[in-house]
C-alpha atoms as a PDB file:
ATOM      1  CA  MET A   1      12.788  12.871 -27.599  1.00  0.00           C
ATOM      2  CA  ASP A   2      15.706  13.000 -25.207  1.00  0.00           C
ATOM      3  CA  HIS A   3      13.191  11.944 -22.548  1.00  0.00           C
ATOM      4  CA  ARG A   4      12.361   8.800 -24.494  1.00  0.00           C
ATOM      5  CA  GLU A   5      15.591   7.764 -25.254  1.00  0.00           C
ATOM      6  CA  VAL A   6      16.327   7.855 -21.606  1.00  0.00           C
ATOM      7  CA  LYS A   7      13.939   5.836 -20.611  1.00  0.00           C
ATOM      8  CA  MET A   8      13.593   2.868 -23.150  1.00  0.00           C
ATOM      9  CA  PRO A   9      16.404   0.676 -21.473  1.00  0.00           C
ATOM     10  CA  LYS A  10      13.626   0.224 -18.576  1.00  0.00           C
ATOM     11  CA  ARG A  11      11.767  -1.449 -20.930  1.00  0.00           C
ATOM     12  CA  GLY A  12      14.430  -3.811 -22.283  1.00  0.00           C
ATOM     13  CA  LYS A  13      14.226  -7.343 -24.129  1.00  0.00           C
ATOM     14  CA  GLN A  14      13.068  -9.220 -20.974  1.00  0.00           C
ATOM     15  CA  TYR A  15       9.983  -6.927 -20.329  1.00  0.00           C
ATOM     16  CA  GLN A  16       9.696  -6.567 -23.990  1.00  0.00           C
ATOM     17  CA  GLU A  17       9.377 -10.796 -23.751  1.00  0.00           C
ATOM     18  CA  LEU A  18       7.238 -10.774 -20.761  1.00  0.00           C
ATOM     19  CA  ALA A  19       4.628  -8.402 -21.976  1.00  0.00           C
ATOM     20  CA  LYS A  20       4.250 -10.842 -24.923  1.00  0.00           C
ATOM     21  CA  GLN A  21       2.600 -13.356 -22.439  1.00  0.00           C
ATOM     22  CA  VAL A  22      -0.088 -10.210 -21.746  1.00  0.00           C
ATOM     23  CA  ASP A  23      -3.389  -9.664 -24.056  1.00  0.00           C
ATOM     24  CA  ARG A  24      -3.459  -5.951 -23.547  1.00  0.00           C
ATOM     25  CA  GLY A  25      -6.676  -5.939 -24.862  1.00  0.00           C
ATOM     26  CA  MET A  26      -8.251  -8.794 -22.400  1.00  0.00           C
ATOM     27  CA  LEU A  27      -9.695  -8.753 -19.113  1.00  0.00           C
ATOM     28  CA  TYR A  28      -8.433 -11.689 -17.438  1.00  0.00           C
ATOM     29  CA  ASP A  29     -10.483 -13.762 -14.265  1.00  0.00           C
ATOM     30  CA  LEU A  30      -8.586 -13.224 -11.244  1.00  0.00           C
ATOM     31  CA  SER A  31      -7.086 -16.762 -10.867  1.00  0.00           C
ATOM     32  CA  ASP A  32      -5.757 -16.323 -14.614  1.00  0.00           C
ATOM     33  CA  ALA A  33      -4.246 -12.689 -13.490  1.00  0.00           C
ATOM     34  CA  VAL A  34      -2.502 -13.637 -10.666  1.00  0.00           C
ATOM     35  CA  GLU A  35      -0.836 -17.053 -12.327  1.00  0.00           C
ATOM     36  CA  LEU A  36       0.373 -14.742 -14.955  1.00  0.00           C
ATOM     37  CA  VAL A  37       1.449 -11.973 -12.461  1.00  0.00           C
ATOM     38  CA  VAL A  38       3.953 -14.985 -11.050  1.00  0.00           C
ATOM     39  CA  LYS A  39       4.901 -16.126 -14.473  1.00  0.00           C
ATOM     40  CA  THR A  40       6.271 -12.757 -15.541  1.00  0.00           C
ATOM     41  CA  ALA A  41       7.921 -12.131 -12.306  1.00  0.00           C
ATOM     42  CA  LYS A  42      11.506 -12.863 -13.798  1.00  0.00           C
ATOM     43  CA  ALA A  43      13.795 -10.471 -12.075  1.00  0.00           C
ATOM     44  CA  LYS A  44      16.674 -11.493  -9.787  1.00  0.00           C
ATOM     45  CA  PHE A  45      14.662 -10.649  -6.660  1.00  0.00           C
ATOM     46  CA  ASP A  46      11.167 -11.601  -5.198  1.00  0.00           C
ATOM     47  CA  GLU A  47       9.222  -8.987  -6.646  1.00  0.00           C
ATOM     48  CA  THR A  48       6.398  -7.262  -5.246  1.00  0.00           C
ATOM     49  CA  VAL A  49       3.169  -7.542  -6.604  1.00  0.00           C
ATOM     50  CA  GLU A  50       1.097  -4.718  -6.671  1.00  0.00           C
ATOM     51  CA  VAL A  51      -2.821  -3.779  -7.455  1.00  0.00           C
ATOM     52  CA  HIS A  52      -3.752  -0.549  -9.179  1.00  0.00           C
ATOM     53  CA  VAL A  53      -7.418   0.204  -8.734  1.00  0.00           C
ATOM     54  CA  LYS A  54      -8.973   2.978 -10.938  1.00  0.00           C
ATOM     55  CA  LEU A  55     -12.017   4.018  -9.128  1.00  0.00           C
ATOM     56  CA  GLY A  56     -15.465   6.016 -10.662  1.00  0.00           C
ATOM     57  CA  VAL A  57     -14.736   8.894  -7.532  1.00  0.00           C
ATOM     58  CA  ASP A  58     -13.816  12.275  -7.535  1.00  0.00           C
ATOM     59  CA  GLY A  59     -11.149  12.748  -4.878  1.00  0.00           C
ATOM     60  CA  ARG A  60     -11.000  16.432  -4.705  1.00  0.00           C
ATOM     61  CA  HIS A  61     -14.635  16.039  -2.587  1.00  0.00           C
ATOM     62  CA  ALA A  62     -14.318  15.043   0.811  1.00  0.00           C
ATOM     63  CA  ASP A  63     -17.514  13.008   0.634  1.00  0.00           C
ATOM     64  CA  GLN A  64     -15.815  11.147  -2.153  1.00  0.00           C
ATOM     65  CA  GLN A  65     -12.306  10.218  -0.590  1.00  0.00           C
ATOM     66  CA  VAL A  66     -11.555   6.956   0.053  1.00  0.00           C
ATOM     67  CA  ARG A  67      -8.804   5.866   2.715  1.00  0.00           C
ATOM     68  CA  GLY A  68      -8.653   2.476   5.088  1.00  0.00           C
ATOM     69  CA  ALA A  69      -6.377   0.069   6.068  1.00  0.00           C
ATOM     70  CA  ILE A  70      -6.527  -3.664   6.161  1.00  0.00           C
ATOM     71  CA  VAL A  71      -4.632  -6.839   7.690  1.00  0.00           C
ATOM     72  CA  LEU A  72      -3.834  -8.837   4.448  1.00  0.00           C
ATOM     73  CA  PRO A  73      -4.513 -12.669   5.357  1.00  0.00           C
ATOM     74  CA  HIS A  74      -0.777 -13.990   4.204  1.00  0.00           C
ATOM     75  CA  GLY A  75       0.921 -10.699   4.934  1.00  0.00           C
ATOM     76  CA  THR A  76       2.743  -8.830   2.985  1.00  0.00           C
ATOM     77  CA  GLY A  77       5.992 -10.602   2.700  1.00  0.00           C
ATOM     78  CA  LYS A  78       7.824  -7.190   4.019  1.00  0.00           C
ATOM     79  CA  THR A  79       9.557  -6.583   7.357  1.00  0.00           C
ATOM     80  CA  VAL A  80       8.176  -3.391   8.240  1.00  0.00           C
ATOM     81  CA  ARG A  81       9.952  -0.865  10.192  1.00  0.00           C
ATOM     82  CA  VAL A  82       7.662   0.779  12.760  1.00  0.00           C
ATOM     83  CA  LEU A  83       8.263   4.185  14.281  1.00  0.00           C
ATOM     84  CA  VAL A  84       6.221   5.154  17.309  1.00  0.00           C
ATOM     85  CA  PHE A  85       6.007   8.215  18.714  1.00  0.00           C
ATOM     86  CA  ALA A  86       4.969   7.947  22.507  1.00  0.00           C
ATOM     87  CA  LYS A  87       5.546   8.723  26.085  1.00  0.00           C
ATOM     88  CA  GLY A  88       5.629   7.395  29.192  1.00  0.00           C
ATOM     89  CA  LEU A  89       3.584   4.238  29.611  1.00  0.00           C
ATOM     90  CA  LYS A  90       2.608   4.343  26.357  1.00  0.00           C
ATOM     91  CA  ALA A  91       6.278   4.413  24.955  1.00  0.00           C
ATOM     92  CA  ALA A  92       6.867   1.283  27.322  1.00  0.00           C
ATOM     93  CA  GLU A  93       3.977  -0.478  26.125  1.00  0.00           C
ATOM     94  CA  ALA A  94       5.583   0.259  22.418  1.00  0.00           C
ATOM     95  CA  GLU A  95       8.885  -1.401  23.130  1.00  0.00           C
ATOM     96  CA  THR A  96       7.359  -4.581  24.491  1.00  0.00           C
ATOM     97  CA  ALA A  97       4.949  -4.935  21.634  1.00  0.00           C
ATOM     98  CA  GLY A  98       8.094  -4.582  19.163  1.00  0.00           C
ATOM     99  CA  ALA A  99       8.433  -1.478  17.433  1.00  0.00           C
ATOM    100  CA  ASP A 100      11.719  -0.722  16.011  1.00  0.00           C
ATOM    101  CA  TYR A 101      11.935   3.056  17.289  1.00  0.00           C
ATOM    102  CA  VAL A 102      10.043   4.861  20.014  1.00  0.00           C
ATOM    103  CA  GLY A 103      10.460   8.321  20.875  1.00  0.00           C
ATOM    104  CA  ALA A 104       9.113  11.884  21.325  1.00  0.00           C
ATOM    105  CA  GLU A 105      10.448  15.554  20.454  1.00  0.00           C
ATOM    106  CA  GLU A 106      14.037  14.077  20.286  1.00  0.00           C
ATOM    107  CA  ILE A 107      12.764  11.664  17.126  1.00  0.00           C
ATOM    108  CA  ALA A 108      11.057  14.579  15.699  1.00  0.00           C
ATOM    109  CA  GLN A 109      14.393  16.720  16.262  1.00  0.00           C
ATOM    110  CA  LYS A 110      16.238  13.510  14.464  1.00  0.00           C
ATOM    111  CA  ILE A 111      14.312  13.821  11.470  1.00  0.00           C
ATOM    112  CA  GLN A 112      14.413  17.209  10.908  1.00  0.00           C
ATOM    113  CA  SER A 113      17.948  17.550  11.663  1.00  0.00           C
ATOM    114  CA  GLU A 114      19.575  14.305  10.093  1.00  0.00           C
ATOM    115  CA  ASP A 115      17.125  13.938   7.360  1.00  0.00           C
ATOM    116  CA  TRP A 116      16.449  10.399   8.989  1.00  0.00           C
ATOM    117  CA  TYR A 117      14.046   7.842   7.725  1.00  0.00           C
ATOM    118  CA  ASP A 118      14.848   4.464   8.133  1.00  0.00           C
ATOM    119  CA  PHE A 119      11.386   3.558   8.960  1.00  0.00           C
ATOM    120  CA  ASP A 120       8.168   2.229   6.998  1.00  0.00           C
ATOM    121  CA  VAL A 121       5.106   3.105   9.121  1.00  0.00           C
ATOM    122  CA  VAL A 122       4.553   5.670  11.926  1.00  0.00           C
ATOM    123  CA  VAL A 123       2.107   5.041  14.787  1.00  0.00           C
ATOM    124  CA  ALA A 124       1.192   7.816  17.314  1.00  0.00           C
ATOM    125  CA  THR A 125      -0.719   8.052  20.454  1.00  0.00           C
ATOM    126  CA  PRO A 126      -3.103  11.179  20.122  1.00  0.00           C
ATOM    127  CA  ASP A 127      -1.469  13.338  22.692  1.00  0.00           C
ATOM    128  CA  MET A 128       1.747  13.216  20.457  1.00  0.00           C
ATOM    129  CA  MET A 129       0.258  14.689  17.371  1.00  0.00           C
ATOM    130  CA  GLY A 130       1.062  18.116  18.624  1.00  0.00           C
ATOM    131  CA  VAL A 131       4.770  16.926  18.183  1.00  0.00           C
ATOM    132  CA  VAL A 132       4.309  14.854  14.873  1.00  0.00           C
ATOM    133  CA  GLY A 133       1.810  17.404  13.172  1.00  0.00           C
ATOM    134  CA  LYS A 134       5.153  19.677  12.853  1.00  0.00           C
ATOM    135  CA  LEU A 135       6.549  17.247  10.612  1.00  0.00           C
ATOM    136  CA  GLY A 136       3.376  17.136   8.049  1.00  0.00           C
ATOM    137  CA  ARG A 137       5.770  18.845   5.378  1.00  0.00           C
ATOM    138  CA  LEU A 138       8.455  16.161   5.908  1.00  0.00           C
ATOM    139  CA  LEU A 139       6.266  12.752   6.625  1.00  0.00           C
ATOM    140  CA  GLY A 140       3.159  13.660   4.181  1.00  0.00           C
ATOM    141  CA  PRO A 141       5.064  13.381   0.810  1.00  0.00           C
ATOM    142  CA  LYS A 142       6.577  10.152   1.477  1.00  0.00           C
ATOM    143  CA  GLY A 143       3.336   8.583   2.687  1.00  0.00           C
ATOM    144  CA  LEU A 144       4.330   8.150   6.641  1.00  0.00           C
ATOM    145  CA  MET A 145       2.269  10.390   8.499  1.00  0.00           C
ATOM    146  CA  PRO A 146      -0.204   8.657  10.864  1.00  0.00           C
ATOM    147  CA  ASN A 147      -4.217   8.870  10.330  1.00  0.00           C
ATOM    148  CA  PRO A 148      -7.283   7.531  12.658  1.00  0.00           C
ATOM    149  CA  LYS A 149      -8.636   6.508   9.711  1.00  0.00           C
ATOM    150  CA  SER A 150      -5.745   3.918   9.194  1.00  0.00           C
ATOM    151  CA  GLY A 151      -5.070   3.204  12.978  1.00  0.00           C
ATOM    152  CA  THR A 152      -2.016   4.912  12.849  1.00  0.00           C
ATOM    153  CA  VAL A 153      -3.182   7.603  15.622  1.00  0.00           C
ATOM    154  CA  THR A 154      -4.401   5.333  18.762  1.00  0.00           C
ATOM    155  CA  MET A 155      -3.929   4.737  22.535  1.00  0.00           C
ATOM    156  CA  ASP A 156      -4.216   1.250  21.428  1.00  0.00           C
ATOM    157  CA  VAL A 157      -0.273   0.694  20.467  1.00  0.00           C
ATOM    158  CA  GLU A 158       0.083  -2.940  21.120  1.00  0.00           C
ATOM    159  CA  ARG A 159      -2.879  -3.687  18.525  1.00  0.00           C
ATOM    160  CA  ALA A 160      -1.404  -1.245  15.766  1.00  0.00           C
ATOM    161  CA  LEU A 161       1.881  -2.802  15.736  1.00  0.00           C
ATOM    162  CA  ARG A 162       0.524  -6.153  15.985  1.00  0.00           C
ATOM    163  CA  ASP A 163      -1.646  -5.407  12.996  1.00  0.00           C
ATOM    164  CA  ILE A 164       1.569  -3.684  11.105  1.00  0.00           C
ATOM    165  CA  LYS A 165       3.429  -6.462  11.893  1.00  0.00           C
ATOM    166  CA  ALA A 166       1.043  -9.195  10.422  1.00  0.00           C
ATOM    167  CA  GLY A 167       0.411  -7.088   7.505  1.00  0.00           C
ATOM    168  CA  LYS A 168      -1.750  -4.235   7.301  1.00  0.00           C
ATOM    169  CA  VAL A 169      -1.788  -2.402   4.436  1.00  0.00           C
ATOM    170  CA  GLU A 170      -3.067   1.173   3.873  1.00  0.00           C
ATOM    171  CA  TYR A 171      -5.544   2.131   0.741  1.00  0.00           C
ATOM    172  CA  ARG A 172      -5.853   5.551  -0.312  1.00  0.00           C
ATOM    173  CA  LEU A 173      -6.767   7.335  -3.137  1.00  0.00           C
ATOM    174  CA  ASP A 174      -4.038   9.442  -5.129  1.00  0.00           C
ATOM    175  CA  LYS A 175      -4.743  12.730  -7.512  1.00  0.00           C
ATOM    176  CA  THR A 176      -5.741  10.616 -10.670  1.00  0.00           C
ATOM    177  CA  ASN A 177      -8.238   8.762  -8.513  1.00  0.00           C
ATOM    178  CA  ILE A 178      -6.315   5.206  -8.201  1.00  0.00           C
ATOM    179  CA  ILE A 179      -5.246   3.194  -5.336  1.00  0.00           C
ATOM    180  CA  HIS A 180      -1.933   1.439  -5.568  1.00  0.00           C
ATOM    181  CA  THR A 181      -1.429  -1.285  -2.702  1.00  0.00           C
ATOM    182  CA  PRO A 182       0.970  -4.069  -2.589  1.00  0.00           C
ATOM    183  CA  ILE A 183      -0.818  -7.472  -1.922  1.00  0.00           C
ATOM    184  CA  GLY A 184       2.535  -9.490  -1.527  1.00  0.00           C
ATOM    185  CA  LYS A 185       5.654 -11.331  -3.515  1.00  0.00           C
ATOM    186  CA  ALA A 186       5.705 -13.270  -6.329  1.00  0.00           C
ATOM    187  CA  SER A 187       6.755 -16.020  -4.352  1.00  0.00           C
ATOM    188  CA  PHE A 188       3.465 -16.037  -2.341  1.00  0.00           C
ATOM    189  CA  GLY A 189       1.948 -17.939  -5.530  1.00  0.00           C
ATOM    190  CA  PRO A 190      -0.827 -17.404  -7.202  1.00  0.00           C
ATOM    191  CA  GLU A 191      -3.693 -18.496  -4.361  1.00  0.00           C
ATOM    192  CA  LYS A 192      -2.020 -16.370  -1.367  1.00  0.00           C
ATOM    193  CA  LEU A 193      -2.169 -13.721  -4.021  1.00  0.00           C
ATOM    194  CA  ALA A 194      -5.613 -14.223  -4.943  1.00  0.00           C
ATOM    195  CA  ASP A 195      -6.668 -14.088  -0.889  1.00  0.00           C
ATOM    196  CA  ASN A 196      -4.862 -11.234  -0.411  1.00  0.00           C
ATOM    197  CA  PHE A 197      -6.442  -9.671  -3.359  1.00  0.00           C
ATOM    198  CA  ASN A 198      -9.912 -10.516  -2.552  1.00  0.00           C
ATOM    199  CA  ALA A 199      -9.349  -9.337   1.141  1.00  0.00           C
ATOM    200  CA  LEU A 200      -8.118  -5.663  -0.464  1.00  0.00           C
ATOM    201  CA  LEU A 201     -10.511  -5.754  -2.846  1.00  0.00           C
ATOM    202  CA  GLU A 202     -13.525  -6.253  -0.588  1.00  0.00           C
ATOM    203  CA  ALA A 203     -12.408  -3.436   1.931  1.00  0.00           C
ATOM    204  CA  ILE A 204     -12.012  -1.007  -1.236  1.00  0.00           C
ATOM    205  CA  VAL A 205     -15.878  -1.986  -2.106  1.00  0.00           C
ATOM    206  CA  LYS A 206     -17.187  -1.471   1.507  1.00  0.00           C
ATOM    207  CA  ALA A 207     -15.626   1.628   1.550  1.00  0.00           C
ATOM    208  CA  LYS A 208     -17.219   3.023  -1.179  1.00  0.00           C
ATOM    209  CA  PRO A 209     -18.486   6.756  -0.931  1.00  0.00           C
ATOM    210  CA  SER A 210     -22.030   7.214  -0.936  1.00  0.00           C
ATOM    211  CA  ALA A 211     -21.822  10.174  -3.265  1.00  0.00           C
ATOM    212  CA  SER A 212     -20.204   8.228  -5.712  1.00  0.00           C
ATOM    213  CA  LYS A 213     -22.519   7.512  -8.929  1.00  0.00           C
ATOM    214  CA  GLY A 214     -22.125   4.667 -11.505  1.00  0.00           C
ATOM    215  CA  GLN A 215     -19.235   2.395 -12.310  1.00  0.00           C
ATOM    216  CA  TYR A 216     -17.221   2.531  -8.863  1.00  0.00           C
ATOM    217  CA  LEU A 217     -14.520  -0.299  -9.991  1.00  0.00           C
ATOM    218  CA  LYS A 218     -13.507   1.453 -13.068  1.00  0.00           C
ATOM    219  CA  SER A 219     -10.176  -0.492 -13.691  1.00  0.00           C
ATOM    220  CA  VAL A 220      -8.242  -3.063 -11.446  1.00  0.00           C
ATOM    221  CA  THR A 221      -4.617  -4.342 -12.767  1.00  0.00           C
ATOM    222  CA  VAL A 222      -1.841  -6.516 -11.049  1.00  0.00           C
ATOM    223  CA  ALA A 223       1.822  -6.156 -11.705  1.00  0.00           C
ATOM    224  CA  ALA A 224       4.871  -7.375 -10.138  1.00  0.00           C
ATOM    225  CA  THR A 225       7.575  -5.053  -9.740  1.00  0.00           C
ATOM    226  CA  MET A 226       9.447  -5.253 -13.231  1.00  0.00           C
ATOM    227  CA  GLY A 227       6.604  -6.733 -15.044  1.00  0.00           C
ATOM    228  CA  PRO A 228       3.935  -5.730 -17.300  1.00  0.00           C
ATOM    229  CA  GLY A 229       0.339  -4.800 -15.834  1.00  0.00           C
ATOM    230  CA  ILE A 230      -2.484  -7.524 -16.379  1.00  0.00           C
ATOM    231  CA  ARG A 231      -6.161  -6.228 -16.101  1.00  0.00           C
ATOM    232  CA  VAL A 232      -8.392  -8.039 -14.001  1.00  0.00           C
ATOM    233  CA  ASN A 233     -12.284  -8.088 -15.062  1.00  0.00           C
ATOM    234  CA  PRO A 234     -13.972  -6.207 -12.148  1.00  0.00           C
ATOM    235  CA  VAL A 235     -17.498  -7.334 -12.970  1.00  0.00           C
ATOM    236  CA  LYS A 236     -16.205 -10.806 -11.959  1.00  0.00           C
ATOM    237  CA  LEU A 237     -14.865 -10.432  -8.982  1.00  0.00           C
ATOM    238  CA  VAL A 238     -17.445 -11.370  -5.673  1.00  0.00           C
ATOM    239  CA  PHE A 239     -17.235 -11.031  -2.369  1.00  0.00           C
END
């Protein structure tokens, strides 16, 4: 009971009013959904719009994992700070390509000793994974561990940085088999959000594991940071 009393203020009058604009029992066409998500983004800051996709897979099995990355057509609207673990020529390449931080063992030590996390994405050259691997228990829970599948463990540091700065997002299952991924800001407007939505969903559909049986897209919801969830009709999504 106490927990409910603490949480109630988060669903204030403004949220309640916004929620009235959304029919919880309806599956909206994408065009209507993105218009509604912009309309219900009424906070004093430019709200992030996220897509939440429930998949008909069991992520506990290795052959049903869904994970990848895609560069959104219109980016994310967010300035991304990138840390690159590299040495020598690759470190110089990273600095030239616009990395915010570049280093090796000394950066790893800074993270461990100072609890330093002033970055949003970590890229590493394969030869540095011995150093980065020791940070797994720190970076992993924060979703910051570089991974070959998302293109963040690579020798092509320049391309990785270019893609990330252009609006590359990673998608992967959580423990409840749901993918949560940002597709931009409310200020993008419905058309750009729809473009980014379609690019993301197409990538997720293409990543469908062969072991997945039955309905793949169980539910698809879009929502602004402070706004209500709006359910999108997965049957009408065509790529």
